Amino acid sequence: MRIAFFSWETLNSIPVGGVAAVVTKVAEALAAHGHEVHVFTRISAGQLEHEEINGVFEHRSVSPGCEDFIEYMDHVCDSLVSCYHQVKNDVGEFNVIHAHDWHVVNAVANIKHNTGMEFIWTAHSTEWGRNGGAFADNWFSARVRHREWLGGYLSKAVTTVSHSMKWELAREYNIPEDKINVIYNGINFEDFMGEVDTGKIKEKYGIWALDPVVLFLGRMCHQKGPDLLLEAIPNVLSLRGDIKFVFAGGGDDMIRHILGRSQYLGVDGSIRVLGYVSDEDRINLYKASDVVCIPSRNEPFGIVTLEAWACGKPVVAADVGGPGEIIDNFRTGVKVYLNPESIAWGLKYMFGDPTGENIKKMGAEAQKEVEKYDWKEIAKHYEKIYKKL
């Protein structure tokens, strides 16, 4: 099949969040299965407009900048449509158009209106979820929600990343449940293989080599719940005072809160707030940690779960969204309620065994579990959807 992906981000253009990884890795996996995959996205400074990377043809459009982000994305969509028609004239008709998230809905809606070409839409999250399970009463959110509704309404089929997201889409946008297909995200297991000197990694962040480490990795925002983990720390330290808590991820507003609140709680010496970290540092932090904590208030899938497992680390995660569905409780991790007391209980359960065998056993089971989520296997589920259409 000749497949067109539309996404505002990829790992090879302007990566912003998890969508970049999903789009890039699924496209590469489909190409490895013998399909001709073209990805239409934005361009960054100094990049080529057309480039083949790992068997995938990436086409990057040029768009004018705007102060209004929605207006900017409208210009991006217009550019993507022009780019699509140019490529189609060169290579021939596409069998499948697959759009990712709300940013590119106007582009595929334009193509459908003018050519009759159907499209598949993947919702990686919703505006409701990104606002912590609440309605943001502003004009920006209203426009984003309209595009999410439009993607669900105009598409021939919808895919999303967890059953909780399926129910969320059905509830928020009245999308028929039989139109929504659940396909979990995946991981390149090989990217996380290899040993590291954990003592040197800890030393880099001012942590003693034998101190246990709990890692939070994600956007420092209300949705991801780093503040809930922070409130649990005094309780956890009552069990073991040498545990260190590392917060890695961007988000200025929440970072300031974490730093200030940690001083008030008297735990500032037990935390490290790193901000954004590189891919290399991210993987090293996983490997140097003992447990990864995912206290998200809303988590469509939670790729952090798979990354932690790939490094042989169990997770303590709020029983919401993707983590709630894929964690085998007390085997690959511990699911907790969405409050600091329960998060503390989960972490104390992990560290309650002074031999550390509990954590090692769970980590080994987690590493076995993650093999089910290889991108090439995940891509087969998308192929089935494409062939149905």
Protein backbone atom coordinates (compact mmCIF):
# COMPACT_ATOMS: atom_id res chain seq x y z
CA MET A 1 0.00 0.00 0.00
CA ARG A 2 1.00 3.61 -0.52
CA ILE A 3 0.29 5.32 2.81
CA ALA A 4 0.22 9.04 3.68
CA PHE A 5 0.77 10.07 7.29
CA PHE A 6 -0.12 13.59 8.42
CA SER A 7 1.40 14.82 11.68
CA TRP A 8 2.56 18.17 13.04
CA GLU A 9 5.62 16.45 14.56
CA THR A 10 8.06 13.62 13.88
CA LEU A 11 11.40 12.66 15.41
CA ASN A 12 13.07 13.86 12.21
CA SER A 13 11.36 17.26 11.92
CA ILE A 14 10.16 19.18 15.00
CA PRO A 15 9.64 16.70 17.85
CA VAL A 16 7.36 18.06 20.58
CA GLY A 17 5.94 15.10 22.48
CA GLY A 18 5.04 11.45 22.29
CA VAL A 19 3.19 11.75 18.97
CA ALA A 20 6.53 12.31 17.21
CA ALA A 21 7.83 8.93 18.35
CA VAL A 22 4.61 7.06 17.52
CA VAL A 23 4.31 8.52 14.03
CA THR A 24 7.98 7.95 13.20
CA LYS A 25 8.21 4.41 14.57
CA VAL A 26 4.89 3.19 13.12
CA ALA A 27 5.84 4.65 9.72
CA GLU A 28 9.22 2.88 9.83
CA ALA A 29 7.59 -0.40 10.89
CA LEU A 30 5.06 -0.19 8.04
CA ALA A 31 7.90 0.51 5.60
CA ALA A 32 9.73 -2.53 6.96
CA HIS A 33 6.59 -4.55 6.14
CA GLY A 34 6.93 -3.51 2.49
CA HIS A 35 4.58 -0.53 2.29
CA GLU A 36 5.47 2.81 0.69
CA VAL A 37 5.05 5.35 3.49
CA HIS A 38 5.08 9.14 3.08
CA VAL A 39 4.93 11.42 6.12
CA PHE A 40 3.74 15.02 5.71
CA THR A 41 4.89 17.30 8.52
CA ARG A 42 6.51 20.68 9.34
CA ILE A 43 10.00 21.84 8.49
CA SER A 44 12.69 23.03 10.88
CA ALA A 45 15.56 25.40 10.07
CA GLY A 46 18.20 23.89 7.82
CA GLN A 47 16.19 20.79 6.92
CA LEU A 48 15.44 19.38 3.48
CA GLU A 49 11.88 19.62 2.22
CA HIS A 50 11.96 16.00 1.01
CA GLU A 51 14.08 13.25 2.53
CA GLU A 52 14.07 9.46 2.81
CA ILE A 53 14.92 8.22 6.32
CA ASN A 54 14.90 4.55 7.35
CA GLY A 55 12.76 3.66 4.35
CA VAL A 56 10.16 6.41 4.99
CA PHE A 57 9.68 9.42 2.71
CA GLU A 58 9.33 12.54 4.86
CA HIS A 59 7.94 15.69 3.27
CA ARG A 60 8.28 18.92 5.25
CA SER A 61 6.13 21.93 4.48
CA VAL A 62 7.02 25.59 4.94
CA SER A 63 4.43 27.73 6.76
CA PRO A 64 4.34 31.31 8.06
CA GLY A 65 4.50 31.82 11.81
CA CYS A 66 1.55 33.34 13.72
CA GLU A 67 1.01 34.52 17.28
CA ASP A 68 -2.31 32.65 17.35
CA PHE A 69 -1.39 28.94 17.47
CA ILE A 70 -4.67 27.77 15.93
CA GLU A 71 -4.23 30.16 13.02
CA TYR A 72 -0.66 28.91 12.66
CA MET A 73 -1.86 25.31 12.42
CA ASP A 74 -4.41 26.37 9.79
CA HIS A 75 -1.53 27.70 7.67
CA VAL A 76 0.41 24.48 8.31
CA CYS A 77 -2.59 22.45 7.14
CA ASP A 78 -2.83 24.49 3.92
CA SER A 79 0.87 23.85 3.27
CA LEU A 80 0.52 20.14 4.00
CA VAL A 81 -2.34 19.87 1.48
CA SER A 82 -0.26 21.57 -1.23
CA CYS A 83 2.67 19.29 -0.45
CA TYR A 84 0.42 16.22 -0.57
CA HIS A 85 -0.93 17.07 -4.03
CA GLN A 86 2.58 17.77 -5.31
CA VAL A 87 3.83 14.39 -4.08
CA LYS A 88 0.72 12.61 -5.35
CA ASN A 89 1.35 14.02 -8.83
CA ASP A 90 4.89 12.60 -8.68
CA VAL A 91 4.29 9.15 -7.19
CA GLY A 92 0.62 8.39 -7.88
CA GLU A 93 -2.55 7.94 -5.81
CA PHE A 94 -2.41 6.97 -2.16
CA ASN A 95 -4.30 3.96 -0.82
CA VAL A 96 -4.49 5.24 2.77
CA ILE A 97 -4.47 8.63 4.47
CA HIS A 98 -3.78 8.51 8.20
CA ALA A 99 -3.96 11.71 10.28
CA HIS A 100 -2.57 12.05 13.80
CA ASP A 101 -4.18 14.29 16.45
CA TRP A 102 -6.16 17.50 16.04
CA HIS A 103 -3.41 19.64 14.51
CA VAL A 104 -3.77 18.18 10.99
CA VAL A 105 -7.52 17.53 10.86
CA ASN A 106 -8.18 20.54 8.64
CA ALA A 107 -5.65 19.22 6.10
CA VAL A 108 -7.26 15.81 5.69
CA ALA A 109 -10.74 17.36 5.82
CA ASN A 110 -9.71 19.56 2.87
CA ILE A 111 -8.44 16.54 0.92
CA LYS A 112 -11.61 14.57 1.61
CA HIS A 113 -13.84 17.48 0.59
CA ASN A 114 -12.00 18.08 -2.69
CA THR A 115 -11.11 14.52 -3.73
CA GLY A 116 -13.47 12.22 -1.83
CA MET A 117 -10.47 10.40 -0.33
CA GLU A 118 -11.36 8.90 3.06
CA PHE A 119 -8.97 9.08 6.00
CA ILE A 120 -8.21 7.40 9.31
CA TRP A 121 -7.77 9.60 12.37
CA THR A 122 -5.76 8.71 15.46
CA ALA A 123 -6.49 10.54 18.71
CA HIS A 124 -3.40 10.36 20.91
CA SER A 125 -5.07 12.48 23.62
CA THR A 126 -7.95 14.93 24.03
CA GLU A 127 -8.22 18.53 25.13
CA TRP A 128 -10.37 17.31 28.02
CA GLY A 129 -7.60 15.01 29.17
CA ARG A 130 -4.81 17.52 28.66
CA ASN A 131 -6.65 19.87 31.01
CA GLY A 132 -6.62 17.29 33.79
CA GLY A 133 -10.05 15.86 33.12
CA ALA A 134 -11.84 19.20 33.01
CA PHE A 135 -13.21 21.67 30.49
CA ALA A 136 -10.95 24.62 29.81
CA ASP A 137 -13.30 27.57 29.48
CA ASN A 138 -11.46 29.50 26.81
CA TRP A 139 -11.59 30.15 23.09
CA PHE A 140 -8.39 28.21 22.40
CA SER A 141 -9.69 24.98 23.90
CA ALA A 142 -13.04 25.41 22.18
CA ARG A 143 -11.31 25.54 18.79
CA VAL A 144 -9.12 22.53 19.60
CA ARG A 145 -12.17 20.55 20.71
CA HIS A 146 -13.93 21.42 17.47
CA ARG A 147 -11.06 19.94 15.47
CA GLU A 148 -11.06 16.81 17.63
CA TRP A 149 -14.80 16.45 17.03
CA LEU A 150 -14.29 17.03 13.29
CA GLY A 151 -11.61 14.34 13.11
CA GLY A 152 -13.96 11.84 14.72
CA TYR A 153 -16.91 12.90 12.59
CA LEU A 154 -15.30 12.98 9.13
CA SER A 155 -12.92 10.03 9.42
CA LYS A 156 -13.79 6.59 8.08
CA ALA A 157 -12.29 5.00 11.19
CA VAL A 158 -10.76 6.24 14.44
CA THR A 159 -7.90 4.65 16.34
CA THR A 160 -6.72 5.50 19.81
CA VAL A 161 -4.18 4.24 22.31
CA SER A 162 -6.23 2.74 25.16
CA HIS A 163 -9.72 1.62 26.05
CA SER A 164 -10.08 4.52 28.47
CA MET A 165 -9.32 6.86 25.57
CA LYS A 166 -11.94 5.07 23.48
CA TRP A 167 -14.58 5.73 26.13
CA GLU A 168 -13.34 9.31 26.49
CA LEU A 169 -13.72 9.96 22.74
CA ALA A 170 -17.16 8.34 22.64
CA ARG A 171 -18.29 10.44 25.61
CA GLU A 172 -16.79 13.78 24.61
CA TYR A 173 -17.49 13.71 20.87
CA ASN A 174 -20.33 11.22 20.40
CA ILE A 175 -18.19 8.99 18.20
CA PRO A 176 -19.83 5.56 17.79
CA GLU A 177 -17.89 2.98 19.78
CA ASP A 178 -17.75 0.55 16.85
CA LYS A 179 -15.92 3.21 14.83
CA ILE A 180 -13.09 3.44 17.40
CA ASN A 181 -10.27 0.90 17.35
CA VAL A 182 -7.83 0.52 20.25
CA ILE A 183 -4.19 0.00 19.26
CA TYR A 184 -1.62 0.30 22.03
CA ASN A 185 1.64 2.16 21.47
CA GLY A 186 4.93 0.32 21.15
CA ILE A 187 8.64 0.59 21.70
CA ASN A 188 11.96 -0.26 20.05
CA PHE A 189 13.26 -2.61 22.72
CA GLU A 190 16.78 -2.50 21.25
CA ASP A 191 17.12 1.23 22.02
CA PHE A 192 17.18 0.43 25.74
CA MET A 193 19.59 -2.49 25.76
CA GLY A 194 23.08 -2.35 27.24
CA GLU A 195 24.61 -1.80 30.66
CA VAL A 196 25.67 1.51 32.25
CA ASP A 197 27.66 2.55 35.30
CA THR A 198 24.77 3.54 37.54
CA GLY A 199 27.11 5.00 40.15
CA LYS A 200 28.53 7.50 37.66
CA ILE A 201 25.04 8.46 36.48
CA LYS A 202 23.91 9.09 40.05
CA GLU A 203 27.10 11.05 40.78
CA LYS A 204 26.27 13.37 37.87
CA TYR A 205 23.16 14.46 39.79
CA GLY A 206 24.73 14.58 43.24
CA ILE A 207 23.32 11.24 44.38
CA TRP A 208 25.38 8.69 46.32
CA ALA A 209 25.94 5.44 44.39
CA LEU A 210 24.00 3.26 46.87
CA ASP A 211 21.02 5.58 47.36
CA PRO A 212 17.76 4.18 45.94
CA VAL A 213 16.21 6.34 43.20
CA VAL A 214 12.58 6.95 42.25
CA LEU A 215 12.25 8.52 38.79
CA PHE A 216 9.45 10.73 37.49
CA LEU A 217 9.85 11.34 33.76
CA GLY A 218 7.36 13.44 31.82
CA ARG A 219 6.01 16.92 31.30
CA MET A 220 5.98 18.85 34.55
CA CYS A 221 2.30 19.73 34.36
CA HIS A 222 -0.96 19.13 36.23
CA GLN A 223 -1.98 16.27 33.91
CA LYS A 224 1.16 14.24 34.68
CA GLY A 225 0.85 14.69 38.47
CA PRO A 226 4.42 15.38 39.67
CA ASP A 227 2.90 17.41 42.51
CA LEU A 228 1.11 14.26 43.75
CA LEU A 229 4.42 12.41 43.92
CA LEU A 230 6.00 15.34 45.75
CA GLU A 231 3.30 15.29 48.42
CA ALA A 232 3.95 11.55 48.92
CA ILE A 233 7.69 11.99 49.54
CA PRO A 234 7.63 12.77 53.32
CA ASN A 235 5.61 9.58 53.89
CA VAL A 236 8.04 7.49 51.82
CA LEU A 237 11.07 8.97 53.57
CA SER A 238 9.61 7.84 56.89
CA LEU A 239 10.40 4.30 55.69
CA ARG A 240 13.78 5.00 54.12
CA GLY A 241 15.43 8.38 54.47
CA ASP A 242 18.07 7.72 51.81
CA ILE A 243 15.70 7.48 48.84
CA LYS A 244 16.20 10.19 46.19
CA PHE A 245 13.46 11.41 43.87
CA VAL A 246 14.42 12.63 40.39
CA PHE A 247 11.99 14.79 38.40
CA ALA A 248 12.93 15.00 34.70
CA GLY A 249 10.87 16.89 32.12
CA GLY A 250 10.06 20.39 30.95
CA GLY A 251 7.35 22.68 32.32
CA ASP A 252 8.31 25.95 33.96
CA ASP A 253 5.14 26.53 36.00
CA MET A 254 5.13 23.15 37.72
CA ILE A 255 8.91 23.13 38.16
CA ARG A 256 8.68 26.33 40.18
CA HIS A 257 5.90 24.80 42.27
CA ILE A 258 7.91 21.62 42.91
CA LEU A 259 10.99 23.57 43.97
CA GLY A 260 9.06 25.88 46.31
CA ARG A 261 6.78 23.24 47.78
CA SER A 262 9.70 20.84 48.42
CA GLN A 263 11.31 23.46 50.67
CA TYR A 264 8.05 23.93 52.57
CA LEU A 265 7.79 20.14 53.05
CA GLY A 266 11.44 19.92 54.07
CA VAL A 267 12.32 17.39 51.37
CA ASP A 268 14.33 19.60 49.01
CA GLY A 269 17.50 17.68 49.86
CA SER A 270 15.88 14.44 48.68
CA ILE A 271 14.81 15.63 45.24
CA ARG A 272 16.56 16.54 42.00
CA VAL A 273 14.64 18.64 39.47
CA LEU A 274 16.38 18.37 36.11
CA GLY A 275 14.03 19.96 33.60
CA TYR A 276 14.22 18.71 30.02
CA VAL A 277 16.76 15.90 29.43
CA SER A 278 18.25 14.45 26.24
CA ASP A 279 17.35 10.99 24.94
CA GLU A 280 20.67 9.64 26.16
CA ASP A 281 20.19 11.07 29.65
CA ARG A 282 16.61 9.81 29.71
CA ILE A 283 17.68 6.21 29.06
CA ASN A 284 20.55 6.50 31.56
CA LEU A 285 18.14 7.79 34.22
CA TYR A 286 15.83 4.81 33.68
CA LYS A 287 18.75 2.43 34.11
CA ALA A 288 20.08 4.20 37.21
CA SER A 289 16.69 4.26 38.95
CA ASP A 290 15.10 1.54 41.06
CA VAL A 291 11.44 2.38 40.48
CA VAL A 292 9.67 4.66 37.99
CA CYS A 293 6.63 6.54 39.31
CA ILE A 294 3.77 7.55 36.96
CA PRO A 295 1.30 9.58 39.06
CA SER A 296 -0.66 10.97 36.07
CA ARG A 297 -4.15 12.33 36.57
CA ASN A 298 -4.88 11.54 32.91
CA GLU A 299 -2.68 9.23 30.81
CA PRO A 300 -3.95 8.19 27.36
CA PHE A 301 -1.31 5.47 27.07
CA GLY A 302 1.91 6.27 28.94
CA ILE A 303 4.95 5.30 26.85
CA VAL A 304 7.01 5.85 30.02
CA THR A 305 5.64 2.53 31.29
CA LEU A 306 7.13 0.63 28.35
CA GLU A 307 10.43 2.52 28.52
CA ALA A 308 10.79 1.72 32.21
CA TRP A 309 10.00 -1.95 31.57
CA ALA A 310 12.51 -2.10 28.71
CA CYS A 311 15.18 -1.04 31.22
CA GLY A 312 14.03 -3.71 33.68
CA LYS A 313 12.35 -1.26 36.08
CA PRO A 314 8.94 -1.81 37.70
CA VAL A 315 6.52 1.10 37.95
CA VAL A 316 4.25 2.57 40.56
CA ALA A 317 1.44 4.13 38.56
CA ALA A 318 -1.95 5.71 39.10
CA ASP A 319 -4.64 3.30 37.98
CA VAL A 320 -5.80 5.47 35.07
CA GLY A 321 -5.66 5.20 31.28
CA GLY A 322 -3.00 3.12 29.59
CA PRO A 323 -0.93 2.24 32.69
CA GLY A 324 -4.07 0.99 34.43
CA GLU A 325 -4.77 -1.31 31.48
CA ILE A 326 -1.34 -2.77 30.73
CA ILE A 327 0.24 -3.16 34.20
CA ASP A 328 -0.20 -6.61 35.73
CA ASN A 329 -0.62 -5.55 39.36
CA PHE A 330 2.15 -6.76 41.69
CA ARG A 331 3.91 -8.53 38.80
CA THR A 332 5.13 -5.75 36.46
CA GLY A 333 4.32 -2.88 38.81
CA VAL A 334 1.94 -1.56 41.41
CA LYS A 335 -1.26 0.33 40.59
CA VAL A 336 -2.32 2.96 43.12
CA TYR A 337 -5.14 5.42 43.68
CA LEU A 338 -4.82 8.99 42.53
CA ASN A 339 -3.73 10.55 45.83
CA PRO A 340 -0.41 11.07 47.66
CA GLU A 341 -1.23 8.58 50.42
CA SER A 342 -1.78 5.73 47.98
CA ILE A 343 1.27 6.68 45.89
CA ALA A 344 3.35 6.61 49.09
CA TRP A 345 1.90 3.20 49.96
CA GLY A 346 2.91 1.84 46.54
CA LEU A 347 6.47 3.13 46.84
CA LYS A 348 6.80 1.85 50.41
CA TYR A 349 5.60 -1.55 49.21
CA MET A 350 8.41 -1.53 46.64
CA PHE A 351 11.12 -0.51 49.08
CA GLY A 352 9.74 -2.46 52.06
CA ASP A 353 11.86 -5.48 51.20
CA PRO A 354 15.35 -4.65 52.54
CA THR A 355 16.98 -7.21 50.21
CA GLY A 356 15.66 -5.49 47.09
CA GLU A 357 14.55 -8.84 45.65
CA ASN A 358 10.96 -7.62 45.28
CA ILE A 359 12.03 -4.82 42.91
CA LYS A 360 14.43 -7.08 40.98
CA LYS A 361 11.78 -9.76 40.45
CA MET A 362 9.19 -7.26 39.24
CA GLY A 363 11.76 -5.62 36.97
CA ALA A 364 12.61 -8.95 35.35
CA GLU A 365 8.91 -9.70 34.74
CA ALA A 366 8.43 -6.20 33.30
CA GLN A 367 11.31 -6.70 30.87
CA LYS A 368 9.67 -9.89 29.59
CA GLU A 369 6.30 -8.14 29.26
CA VAL A 370 7.58 -5.28 27.09
CA GLU A 371 8.53 -7.66 24.29
CA LYS A 372 4.83 -7.80 23.37
CA TYR A 373 4.95 -4.12 22.38
CA ASP A 374 7.46 -4.18 19.52
CA TRP A 375 6.57 -1.56 16.88
CA LYS A 376 6.59 -4.12 14.06
CA GLU A 377 3.87 -6.07 15.87
CA ILE A 378 1.91 -2.88 16.60
CA ALA A 379 2.08 -1.90 12.90
CA LYS A 380 0.24 -5.11 11.97
CA HIS A 381 -2.83 -3.83 13.82
CA TYR A 382 -2.82 -0.66 11.71
CA GLU A 383 -2.48 -2.77 8.56
CA LYS A 384 -5.69 -4.61 9.47
CA ILE A 385 -7.54 -1.29 9.78
CA TYR A 386 -6.17 -0.10 6.44
CA LYS A 387 -7.20 -3.32 4.66
CA LYS A 388 -10.72 -3.10 6.10
CA LEU A 389 -11.10 0.27 4.38
